[in-house]
Amino acid sequence: MVLIAESGRLAETPLPRLLLDLHRSRFSGGLVLRRERVEKQLQFREGIPVFADSNLRAESLASQLLKSGTIGESDYARVVQRVEREGCKEGNAVLEMDLAPAREVFEALKEQVRRRLLECFGWEDGTFQVVPGDAPPDALQAFRADFHRLLQEGIESRWSSDRILKSLAPHMQRFVAIEPSARARMRRLPSDASLDAVLEAADGSRSLWQLVPLATTPRALASIWLLDAIDGLEYGDEPRTGGAVESEPEVEIVFERPTEDAGARRAGAQAGAPRDESTRTDADPKNARLFDDITSKFSQLGKIDYYALLGVASNADATAIRRAYLAAAKEYHPDTLARSGFDAEVRAQASRVFASIGKAYATLSRADARREYDSRLSGDNLGANAEQIATAETLYRKGEILLRQGNFRGALEFLLPAVEIYPEEADYQNAAGWALYRQSPPKPAAARTHLRKATELAPNDAVVHFRLSVVLRHLGESDEAEAALRRAREIDPNVG
């Protein structure tokens, strides 16, 4: 039996959890959601939402029909006037005035339910009230889309990765497998290569923390949350033996929402527009090198060994292997790919290549696995594993965004942990040092420490030397400041 509170706060009972409880209990009646001045009223029949109302004019049925082109401006005005005059429902007004076929109106009503529910998924505050009652009239058709698909879409489109990971945090250290019926259910939902990789890898041999890095798309991460919420994950304190042989997953590494420019490029490609090769190659030497690396390695997948995939010698030590993987993680990071302008084909190739690189690192980062892979070498004393590097890079990316926005204190909450996890990365030291200096009040002495470390790790980075010169000048160390500034301008005369 599912116990459902009559009322509560969405901060304590998130909407997806509440919807799942209503679904499991086959609830019939109403659900009222409120946040500030916005109110949504939903009707359920045996756990399925069948009707949604809102006090926002922009979310009305007539507005939806107007936006879709089903009715025109003058018809919209007539509908509004009739509703105000007679107090009837907009759907009834549209049908009685013969402004749209009944099928289109019913489809619009169901789409209205979906949209109004999805909008509420993003509410991290607000209240709910459950109003049990009789089932709505049969005239209200049930929401035909798979209920779990709705949950997947809502989490995917409205929840941040941080919110999902926070919800999953209590189970991160436990080993996880997918319950067979839940796996079958997920196979019926929209999928992508990253979700396929998660489903393949969740055989009880990995912890949830090891599984999460495979979820490189919002859909895959949302699906892990959904599996946990429907009790579809089987947790254990020890890894299972005899799990499925790990296959090479096809991971789609497009995590950020596409920018308008990226969307325009995709639209142009779909319309048959010629691909702009200069976007990928000639316009930026770094993009050209990355493009060549992706296409070359993709053409050799299955033929080259793990060392070649990582770009290290077969006798590379643990530090070299770790740095190679970090470099790959940075280059194949969604932000990097989004800025590159590569078309869908190249991004798909990049996904396959990075999946193989991750598999290579996972093997070479464990001494026993590396000995099995190559009996000539062993890889002891590895300072950080793939999960730690992925965590550090994610922290850095978040801190970098806040740094660009001028939120220096907020940036340090992410940058300092990234430095702690992997202090040998110049970008982390550079960003942390600059944030320490730019915060109010500044901490120039601490900033100097990080920036000096960054210059050691990246001696040819003009920006690092320039920033160090600024901090040194603030500290009154004029000679060193001038030397740092000279070095910055030797590397790039335009710096600063």
Protein backbone atom coordinates (compact mmCIF):
# COMPACT_ATOMS: atom_id res chain seq x y z
CA MET A 1 0.00 0.00 0.00
CA VAL A 2 1.32 3.44 -0.98
CA LEU A 3 0.84 6.15 1.63
CA ILE A 4 0.33 9.59 0.09
CA ALA A 5 0.26 12.81 2.08
CA GLU A 6 -2.78 14.99 1.53
CA SER A 7 -0.55 18.01 1.15
CA GLY A 8 3.10 18.96 1.35
CA ARG A 9 6.02 20.83 -0.17
CA LEU A 10 7.66 19.92 -3.45
CA ALA A 11 11.05 20.56 -1.90
CA GLU A 12 10.43 17.54 0.34
CA THR A 13 8.40 15.41 -2.10
CA PRO A 14 9.55 16.20 -5.66
CA LEU A 15 6.82 16.03 -8.28
CA PRO A 16 8.18 12.91 -10.05
CA ARG A 17 8.10 10.99 -6.75
CA LEU A 18 4.57 12.19 -6.07
CA LEU A 19 3.41 11.20 -9.55
CA LEU A 20 4.93 7.75 -9.11
CA ASP A 21 3.09 7.28 -5.83
CA LEU A 22 -0.20 8.36 -7.41
CA HIS A 23 0.43 5.97 -10.28
CA ARG A 24 1.26 3.02 -8.03
CA SER A 25 -1.86 3.59 -5.92
CA ARG A 26 -4.06 3.92 -9.04
CA PHE A 27 -5.26 7.24 -7.66
CA SER A 28 -8.38 8.93 -9.01
CA GLY A 29 -9.13 12.54 -8.19
CA GLY A 30 -7.33 15.85 -8.30
CA LEU A 31 -3.85 17.18 -7.68
CA VAL A 32 -3.33 20.91 -7.14
CA LEU A 33 0.16 22.35 -7.57
CA ARG A 34 0.96 25.91 -6.48
CA ARG A 35 4.05 28.08 -6.70
CA GLU A 36 3.81 31.78 -5.97
CA ARG A 37 0.87 32.95 -8.12
CA VAL A 38 0.84 29.97 -10.46
CA GLU A 39 -1.67 27.18 -9.91
CA LYS A 40 -2.05 23.94 -11.88
CA GLN A 41 -4.98 21.58 -11.35
CA LEU A 42 -4.61 18.01 -12.60
CA GLN A 43 -7.19 15.24 -12.83
CA PHE A 44 -6.21 11.54 -12.58
CA ARG A 45 -7.99 8.33 -13.49
CA GLU A 46 -6.45 5.22 -11.89
CA GLY A 47 -3.05 6.85 -11.60
CA ILE A 48 -2.97 8.36 -15.10
CA PRO A 49 -3.23 12.15 -15.66
CA VAL A 50 -6.14 12.88 -17.99
CA PHE A 51 -6.72 16.62 -17.65
CA ALA A 52 -4.77 19.72 -16.64
CA ASP A 53 -5.88 23.27 -15.99
CA SER A 54 -3.77 26.37 -15.33
CA ASN A 55 -4.38 29.93 -14.27
CA LEU A 56 -1.82 31.15 -16.80
CA ARG A 57 -3.41 32.53 -19.97
CA ALA A 58 -0.34 31.57 -22.02
CA GLU A 59 -0.96 27.91 -21.14
CA SER A 60 -4.62 27.87 -22.14
CA LEU A 61 -5.94 25.48 -24.78
CA ALA A 62 -6.88 28.36 -27.06
CA SER A 63 -3.33 29.74 -26.81
CA GLN A 64 -1.95 26.32 -27.66
CA LEU A 65 -4.24 26.02 -30.71
CA LEU A 66 -3.23 29.53 -31.77
CA LYS A 67 0.49 28.75 -31.52
CA SER A 68 0.05 25.55 -33.52
CA GLY A 69 -1.84 27.39 -36.27
CA THR A 70 -5.04 25.41 -35.74
CA ILE A 71 -7.00 28.62 -35.14
CA GLY A 72 -6.25 32.20 -36.09
CA GLU A 73 -6.06 35.42 -34.09
CA SER A 74 -9.69 36.36 -34.70
CA ASP A 75 -10.93 32.87 -33.73
CA TYR A 76 -8.79 33.01 -30.59
CA ALA A 77 -10.41 36.30 -29.59
CA ARG A 78 -13.89 34.83 -30.16
CA VAL A 79 -13.07 31.82 -27.99
CA VAL A 80 -11.82 34.01 -25.14
CA GLN A 81 -14.94 36.19 -25.33
CA ARG A 82 -17.25 33.17 -25.26
CA VAL A 83 -15.46 31.61 -22.29
CA GLU A 84 -15.67 34.88 -20.36
CA ARG A 85 -19.31 35.39 -21.28
CA GLU A 86 -20.63 31.84 -20.69
CA GLY A 87 -18.07 30.42 -18.26
CA CYS A 88 -17.57 27.30 -20.39
CA LYS A 89 -14.38 25.36 -21.07
CA GLU A 90 -12.24 26.50 -23.98
CA GLY A 91 -12.36 23.05 -25.56
CA ASN A 92 -16.15 23.10 -25.56
CA ALA A 93 -16.15 26.61 -27.02
CA VAL A 94 -13.82 25.59 -29.86
CA LEU A 95 -15.94 22.53 -30.69
CA GLU A 96 -19.30 24.33 -30.44
CA MET A 97 -18.02 27.13 -32.69
CA ASP A 98 -16.72 24.50 -35.13
CA LEU A 99 -13.26 26.08 -35.21
CA ALA A 100 -11.30 22.80 -35.23
CA PRO A 101 -12.00 19.09 -35.75
CA ALA A 102 -12.77 17.14 -32.57
CA ARG A 103 -9.72 14.91 -33.06
CA GLU A 104 -7.38 17.92 -33.11
CA VAL A 105 -9.00 19.36 -29.99
CA PHE A 106 -8.66 16.07 -28.11
CA GLU A 107 -5.02 15.72 -29.20
CA ALA A 108 -4.39 19.30 -28.07
CA LEU A 109 -5.94 18.53 -24.68
CA LYS A 110 -3.63 15.56 -24.19
CA GLU A 111 -0.63 17.60 -25.28
CA GLN A 112 -1.75 20.25 -22.80
CA VAL A 113 -1.62 17.70 -19.98
CA ARG A 114 1.89 16.73 -20.97
CA ARG A 115 3.18 20.29 -21.26
CA ARG A 116 1.65 21.48 -18.01
CA LEU A 117 3.06 18.54 -16.12
CA LEU A 118 6.52 18.90 -17.66
CA GLU A 119 6.67 22.57 -16.73
CA CYS A 120 6.06 21.66 -13.10
CA PHE A 121 8.92 19.15 -13.06
CA GLY A 122 11.30 22.06 -12.72
CA TRP A 123 9.65 23.37 -9.55
CA GLU A 124 12.05 22.89 -6.68
CA ASP A 125 9.70 24.74 -4.33
CA GLY A 126 5.94 25.16 -4.14
CA THR A 127 3.18 23.07 -2.60
CA PHE A 128 0.89 20.22 -3.56
CA GLN A 129 -2.57 19.15 -2.43
CA VAL A 130 -4.07 15.73 -3.18
CA VAL A 131 -7.87 15.70 -3.50
CA PRO A 132 -9.29 12.16 -3.70
CA GLY A 133 -12.53 11.80 -5.56
CA ASP A 134 -14.41 9.99 -8.26
CA ALA A 135 -12.74 9.16 -11.54
CA PRO A 136 -13.08 11.96 -14.11
CA PRO A 137 -15.70 11.46 -16.83
CA ASP A 138 -14.88 9.02 -19.60
CA ALA A 139 -15.02 11.95 -22.01
CA LEU A 140 -11.60 12.88 -20.63
CA GLN A 141 -9.38 10.50 -22.54
CA ALA A 142 -6.43 9.00 -20.74
CA PHE A 143 -2.96 10.33 -21.39
CA ARG A 144 -1.85 7.82 -24.02
CA ALA A 145 1.90 8.22 -23.78
CA ASP A 146 3.77 5.76 -21.56
CA PHE A 147 3.61 7.15 -18.02
CA HIS A 148 7.27 6.29 -17.38
CA ARG A 149 8.19 7.99 -20.62
CA LEU A 150 6.63 11.17 -19.26
CA LEU A 151 8.74 10.86 -16.11
CA GLN A 152 11.86 10.23 -18.14
CA GLU A 153 11.19 13.30 -20.29
CA GLY A 154 10.44 15.51 -17.30
CA ILE A 155 13.62 14.59 -15.44
CA GLU A 156 15.68 14.82 -18.64
CA SER A 157 14.40 18.26 -19.61
CA ARG A 158 13.83 19.93 -16.23
CA TRP A 159 16.28 18.50 -13.69
CA SER A 160 19.95 19.45 -13.51
CA SER A 161 22.61 16.77 -13.29
CA ASP A 162 23.48 18.04 -9.80
CA ARG A 163 19.90 17.50 -8.62
CA ILE A 164 19.82 13.96 -9.99
CA LEU A 165 23.20 13.06 -8.51
CA LYS A 166 22.19 14.49 -5.13
CA SER A 167 19.14 12.22 -5.16
CA LEU A 168 21.28 9.19 -6.03
CA ALA A 169 24.07 10.04 -3.58
CA PRO A 170 23.05 7.60 -0.79
CA HIS A 171 23.61 4.63 -3.11
CA MET A 172 26.76 5.73 -4.92
CA GLN A 173 29.13 3.30 -3.22
CA ARG A 174 26.87 0.26 -3.68
CA PHE A 175 27.08 -2.20 -6.55
CA VAL A 176 24.13 -2.11 -8.86
CA ALA A 177 22.27 -4.33 -11.30
CA ILE A 178 19.00 -3.75 -13.13
CA GLU A 179 15.98 -5.87 -12.23
CA PRO A 180 14.90 -7.80 -15.37
CA SER A 181 11.37 -6.37 -15.66
CA ALA A 182 12.73 -2.83 -15.17
CA ARG A 183 15.34 -3.45 -17.88
CA ALA A 184 12.57 -4.56 -20.25
CA ARG A 185 10.56 -1.45 -19.39
CA MET A 186 13.53 0.82 -20.10
CA ARG A 187 14.00 -0.86 -23.48
CA ARG A 188 10.54 0.44 -24.42
CA LEU A 189 11.43 4.05 -23.60
CA PRO A 190 13.34 6.50 -25.82
CA SER A 191 17.01 5.63 -25.69
CA ASP A 192 20.38 6.81 -26.91
CA ALA A 193 23.83 5.30 -27.08
CA SER A 194 24.74 6.46 -23.59
CA LEU A 195 21.65 4.86 -22.05
CA ASP A 196 22.38 1.67 -23.98
CA ALA A 197 25.87 1.67 -22.46
CA VAL A 198 24.43 2.09 -18.95
CA LEU A 199 21.96 -0.75 -19.42
CA GLU A 200 24.71 -2.98 -20.75
CA ALA A 201 27.13 -2.19 -17.93
CA ALA A 202 24.69 -2.47 -15.00
CA ASP A 203 25.34 -6.16 -14.31
CA GLY A 204 26.24 -5.95 -10.62
CA SER A 205 29.97 -5.76 -11.19
CA ARG A 206 30.13 -1.95 -10.85
CA SER A 207 29.15 0.51 -8.19
CA LEU A 208 26.65 3.22 -9.02
CA TRP A 209 29.53 5.68 -8.85
CA GLN A 210 31.30 3.69 -11.59
CA LEU A 211 28.11 3.50 -13.64
CA VAL A 212 27.23 7.20 -13.56
CA PRO A 213 30.19 8.36 -15.74
CA LEU A 214 28.71 6.28 -18.58
CA ALA A 215 25.56 8.42 -18.39
CA THR A 216 26.94 11.27 -20.48
CA THR A 217 23.58 12.49 -21.77
CA PRO A 218 20.61 13.94 -19.85
CA ARG A 219 18.45 11.03 -21.00
CA ALA A 220 20.81 8.41 -19.63
CA LEU A 221 21.20 10.17 -16.28
CA ALA A 222 17.43 10.72 -16.03
CA SER A 223 16.88 7.03 -16.73
CA ILE A 224 19.16 6.02 -13.86
CA TRP A 225 17.07 8.20 -11.56
CA LEU A 226 13.89 6.63 -12.93
CA LEU A 227 15.23 3.10 -12.45
CA ASP A 228 16.07 3.93 -8.85
CA ALA A 229 12.66 5.54 -8.25
CA ILE A 230 10.69 2.54 -9.56
CA ASP A 231 12.83 0.14 -7.51
CA GLY A 232 14.35 -1.19 -10.70
CA LEU A 233 17.90 -1.18 -9.35
CA GLU A 234 19.17 -4.07 -7.26
CA TYR A 235 21.84 -2.82 -4.85
CA GLY A 236 24.53 -4.94 -3.26
CA ASP A 237 27.48 -4.37 -0.95
CA GLU A 238 29.75 -6.67 -2.95
CA PRO A 239 30.27 -6.93 -6.71
CA ARG A 240 28.63 -9.80 -8.49
CA THR A 241 30.87 -12.32 -10.18
CA GLY A 242 30.30 -13.73 -13.61
CA GLY A 243 28.74 -10.53 -14.93
CA ALA A 244 28.33 -9.93 -18.59
CA VAL A 245 31.49 -9.29 -20.55
CA GLU A 246 31.91 -5.55 -20.90
CA SER A 247 31.21 -4.48 -24.44
CA GLU A 248 32.27 -1.29 -26.08
CA PRO A 249 29.44 1.17 -25.42
CA GLU A 250 28.36 3.76 -27.92
CA VAL A 251 28.28 6.84 -25.71
CA GLU A 252 26.67 10.02 -26.95
CA ILE A 253 28.60 12.81 -25.28
CA VAL A 254 26.22 15.71 -25.85
CA PHE A 255 25.23 16.77 -22.35
CA GLU A 256 24.62 20.49 -22.68
CA ARG A 257 21.52 21.86 -24.34
CA PRO A 258 22.45 22.90 -27.89
CA THR A 259 23.04 26.57 -28.51
CA GLU A 260 21.00 28.47 -31.04
CA ASP A 261 23.93 28.48 -33.46
CA ALA A 262 24.44 24.76 -33.09
CA GLY A 263 20.73 24.21 -33.67
CA ALA A 264 20.88 26.35 -36.78
CA ARG A 265 23.82 24.31 -38.07
CA ARG A 266 21.89 21.09 -37.51
CA ALA A 267 18.82 22.52 -39.22
CA GLY A 268 20.94 23.51 -42.18
CA ALA A 269 22.46 20.07 -42.39
CA GLN A 270 19.04 18.42 -42.27
CA ALA A 271 17.83 20.69 -45.03
CA GLY A 272 20.65 19.49 -47.24
CA ALA A 273 22.95 22.46 -46.78
CA PRO A 274 26.61 21.68 -47.55
CA ARG A 275 28.79 21.05 -44.54
CA ASP A 276 31.14 23.89 -43.66
CA GLU A 277 34.46 22.11 -43.53
CA SER A 278 36.23 25.27 -42.35
CA THR A 279 34.18 25.15 -39.15
CA ARG A 280 35.80 21.84 -38.29
CA THR A 281 39.30 22.30 -39.63
CA ASP A 282 40.78 25.34 -41.30
CA ALA A 283 39.14 27.96 -39.07
CA ASP A 284 40.83 26.69 -35.91
CA PRO A 285 44.02 24.59 -35.79
CA LYS A 286 42.88 22.97 -32.54
CA ASN A 287 39.63 21.89 -34.17
CA ALA A 288 41.56 20.55 -37.12
CA ARG A 289 43.78 18.46 -34.87
CA LEU A 290 40.80 17.19 -32.88
CA PHE A 291 38.92 16.34 -36.08
CA ASP A 292 41.91 14.40 -37.40
CA ASP A 293 42.31 12.60 -34.07
CA ILE A 294 38.63 11.60 -33.96
CA THR A 295 38.40 10.35 -37.53
CA SER A 296 41.76 8.59 -37.44
CA LYS A 297 41.08 6.72 -34.22
CA PHE A 298 37.53 5.91 -35.25
CA SER A 299 38.78 4.29 -38.47
CA GLN A 300 41.17 2.15 -36.41
CA LEU A 301 38.85 1.07 -33.59
CA GLY A 302 39.39 -2.60 -32.89
CA LYS A 303 42.78 -2.52 -34.59
CA ILE A 304 44.93 -0.31 -32.35
CA ASP A 305 45.76 -1.13 -28.75
CA TYR A 306 44.83 0.78 -25.64
CA TYR A 307 48.16 2.61 -25.48
CA ALA A 308 47.70 3.95 -29.00
CA LEU A 309 44.15 5.01 -28.16
CA LEU A 310 45.45 7.00 -25.22
CA GLY A 311 48.43 8.23 -27.22
CA VAL A 312 51.06 6.95 -24.77
CA ALA A 313 53.97 4.56 -25.06
CA SER A 314 53.50 0.97 -23.94
CA ASN A 315 55.88 1.59 -21.06
CA ALA A 316 54.12 4.77 -19.95
CA ASP A 317 53.93 5.24 -16.21
CA ALA A 318 50.78 5.84 -14.22
CA THR A 319 51.11 9.63 -14.35
CA ALA A 320 51.43 9.68 -18.14
CA ILE A 321 48.40 7.43 -18.53
CA ARG A 322 46.37 9.56 -16.14
CA ARG A 323 47.34 12.76 -17.94
CA ALA A 324 46.50 11.24 -21.32
CA TYR A 325 43.05 10.28 -20.13
CA LEU A 326 42.49 13.73 -18.60
CA ALA A 327 43.52 15.37 -21.88
CA ALA A 328 41.07 13.14 -23.76
CA ALA A 329 38.29 13.89 -21.26
CA LYS A 330 38.85 17.62 -21.79
CA GLU A 331 38.94 17.38 -25.59
CA TYR A 332 35.91 15.12 -25.84
CA HIS A 333 33.97 17.04 -23.19
CA PRO A 334 30.51 18.21 -24.42
CA ASP A 335 31.50 21.88 -24.09
CA THR A 336 34.48 21.33 -26.38
CA LEU A 337 32.49 19.44 -28.97
CA ALA A 338 29.66 21.98 -28.86
CA ARG A 339 32.10 24.77 -29.68
CA SER A 340 33.79 22.82 -32.45
CA GLY A 341 30.90 22.93 -34.91
CA PHE A 342 31.37 19.29 -35.94
CA ASP A 343 28.41 17.68 -37.65
CA ALA A 344 26.39 14.80 -36.20
CA GLU A 345 28.46 12.15 -37.97
CA VAL A 346 31.72 13.33 -36.43
CA ARG A 347 30.12 13.71 -32.98
CA ALA A 348 28.86 10.14 -33.22
CA GLN A 349 32.38 9.00 -34.11
CA ALA A 350 33.72 10.98 -31.17
CA SER A 351 31.30 9.17 -28.89
CA ARG A 352 32.59 5.79 -30.01
CA VAL A 353 36.21 6.83 -29.71
CA PHE A 354 35.82 8.27 -26.22
CA ALA A 355 33.97 5.17 -25.07
CA SER A 356 36.96 3.12 -26.22
CA ILE A 357 39.37 5.52 -24.55
CA GLY A 358 37.44 5.19 -21.30
CA LYS A 359 37.59 1.43 -21.58
CA ALA A 360 41.34 1.63 -22.23
CA TYR A 361 41.89 3.81 -19.19
CA ALA A 362 39.70 1.59 -17.02
CA THR A 363 41.97 -1.32 -17.95
CA LEU A 364 45.34 0.41 -17.72
CA SER A 365 44.47 2.17 -14.47
CA ARG A 366 44.14 -1.12 -12.58
CA ALA A 367 47.33 -3.05 -11.93
CA ASP A 368 45.77 -6.48 -12.23
CA ALA A 369 43.86 -5.60 -15.39
CA ARG A 370 46.94 -4.04 -16.94
CA ARG A 371 49.03 -7.10 -16.14
CA GLU A 372 46.44 -9.23 -17.86
CA TYR A 373 46.34 -6.85 -20.82
CA ASP A 374 50.09 -6.56 -21.06
CA SER A 375 52.18 -8.96 -18.97
CA ARG A 376 55.33 -6.86 -19.56
CA LEU A 377 54.03 -3.95 -17.50
CA SER A 378 52.21 -3.27 -14.24
CA GLY A 379 50.57 -0.03 -13.18
CA ASP A 380 50.87 0.41 -9.43
CA ASN A 381 50.49 3.57 -7.34
CA LEU A 382 47.92 5.17 -9.58
CA GLY A 383 46.96 8.37 -7.90
CA ALA A 384 43.51 8.88 -9.38
CA ASN A 385 41.04 6.68 -11.18
CA ALA A 386 38.73 7.40 -14.08
CA GLU A 387 35.83 8.33 -11.82
CA GLN A 388 37.95 10.83 -9.91
CA ILE A 389 39.20 12.45 -13.10
CA ALA A 390 35.67 12.66 -14.47
CA THR A 391 34.53 14.22 -11.20
CA ALA A 392 37.39 16.75 -11.23
CA GLU A 393 36.64 17.75 -14.81
CA THR A 394 32.94 18.20 -14.06
CA LEU A 395 33.77 20.36 -11.03
CA TYR A 396 36.17 22.44 -13.12
CA ARG A 397 33.61 23.01 -15.87
CA LYS A 398 31.03 24.25 -13.37
CA GLY A 399 33.58 26.50 -11.70
CA GLU A 400 34.72 27.85 -15.05
CA ILE A 401 31.16 28.90 -15.92
CA LEU A 402 30.78 30.74 -12.62
CA LEU A 403 34.20 32.32 -13.09
CA ARG A 404 33.14 33.73 -16.47
CA GLN A 405 29.96 35.06 -14.85
CA GLY A 406 31.98 36.90 -12.22
CA ASN A 407 30.76 34.69 -9.35
CA PHE A 408 34.24 34.09 -7.96
CA ARG A 409 33.21 32.78 -4.55
CA GLY A 410 30.78 30.38 -6.15
CA ALA A 411 33.44 29.26 -8.62
CA LEU A 412 35.85 28.39 -5.81
CA GLU A 413 33.35 25.92 -4.37
CA PHE A 414 33.99 23.81 -7.47
CA LEU A 415 37.54 24.79 -8.48
CA LEU A 416 39.28 24.07 -5.17
CA PRO A 417 37.87 20.51 -4.94
CA ALA A 418 38.96 19.95 -8.56
CA VAL A 419 42.49 21.03 -7.66
CA GLU A 420 42.45 18.77 -4.61
CA ILE A 421 41.43 15.77 -6.71
CA TYR A 422 43.98 16.42 -9.44
CA PRO A 423 46.56 19.11 -8.61
CA GLU A 424 48.67 18.36 -11.69
CA GLU A 425 46.23 19.99 -14.11
CA ALA A 426 47.27 23.51 -15.13
CA ASP A 427 43.77 24.68 -16.03
CA TYR A 428 42.48 23.82 -12.56
CA GLN A 429 45.33 25.66 -10.82
CA ASN A 430 44.99 28.64 -13.15
CA ALA A 431 41.24 29.03 -12.64
CA ALA A 432 41.45 28.54 -8.88
CA GLY A 433 44.26 31.08 -8.56
CA TRP A 434 42.42 33.70 -10.57
CA ALA A 435 39.18 33.18 -8.65
CA LEU A 436 41.04 33.56 -5.35
CA TYR A 437 42.48 36.86 -6.54
CA ARG A 438 39.26 38.22 -8.02
CA GLN A 439 36.98 37.37 -5.09
CA SER A 440 36.14 40.01 -2.49
CA PRO A 441 38.19 40.35 -0.43
CA PRO A 442 40.99 38.97 -2.60
CA LYS A 443 43.50 36.38 -1.39
CA PRO A 444 46.57 37.25 -3.49
CA ALA A 445 49.03 35.08 -1.55
CA ALA A 446 46.91 31.95 -2.07
CA ALA A 447 46.32 32.98 -5.67
CA ARG A 448 50.07 33.29 -6.24
CA THR A 449 50.62 29.71 -5.06
CA HIS A 450 48.11 28.28 -7.53
CA LEU A 451 49.23 30.45 -10.44
CA ARG A 452 52.90 29.61 -9.92
CA LYS A 453 51.99 25.95 -9.97
CA ALA A 454 50.04 26.58 -13.17
CA THR A 455 53.08 28.17 -14.84
CA GLU A 456 55.16 25.11 -13.94
CA LEU A 457 52.57 22.80 -15.46
CA ALA A 458 51.89 25.00 -18.51
CA PRO A 459 55.03 27.08 -19.13
CA ASN A 460 53.82 28.20 -22.57
CA ASP A 461 50.41 29.49 -21.51
CA ALA A 462 50.46 33.27 -21.89
CA VAL A 463 47.28 33.84 -19.87
CA VAL A 464 48.69 32.05 -16.84
CA HIS A 465 51.86 34.17 -16.87
CA PHE A 466 49.84 37.35 -17.33
CA ARG A 467 47.55 36.54 -14.41
CA LEU A 468 50.55 35.74 -12.25
CA SER A 469 52.06 39.13 -13.13
CA VAL A 470 48.86 40.89 -12.00
CA VAL A 471 48.87 39.07 -8.66
CA LEU A 472 52.58 39.64 -8.08
CA ARG A 473 52.17 43.35 -8.75
CA HIS A 474 49.35 43.46 -6.18
CA LEU A 475 51.71 41.87 -3.66
CA GLY A 476 54.40 44.45 -4.38
CA GLU A 477 56.75 41.95 -6.03
CA SER A 478 57.52 44.27 -8.95
CA ASP A 479 60.57 42.52 -10.42
CA GLU A 480 58.87 39.13 -10.56
CA ALA A 481 55.74 40.75 -11.91
CA GLU A 482 57.67 42.33 -14.78
CA ALA A 483 59.38 39.04 -15.56
CA ALA A 484 56.05 37.22 -15.67
CA LEU A 485 54.56 39.91 -17.91
CA ARG A 486 57.54 39.75 -20.29
CA ARG A 487 57.18 35.97 -20.52
CA ALA A 488 53.44 36.31 -21.23
CA ARG A 489 54.09 38.74 -24.11
CA GLU A 490 56.89 36.61 -25.51
CA ILE A 491 54.35 33.83 -25.88
CA ASP A 492 51.50 36.06 -27.07
CA PRO A 493 52.11 39.78 -27.75
CA ASN A 494 48.37 40.45 -27.59
CA VAL A 495 47.79 38.98 -24.13
CA GLY A 496 46.16 41.25 -21.58
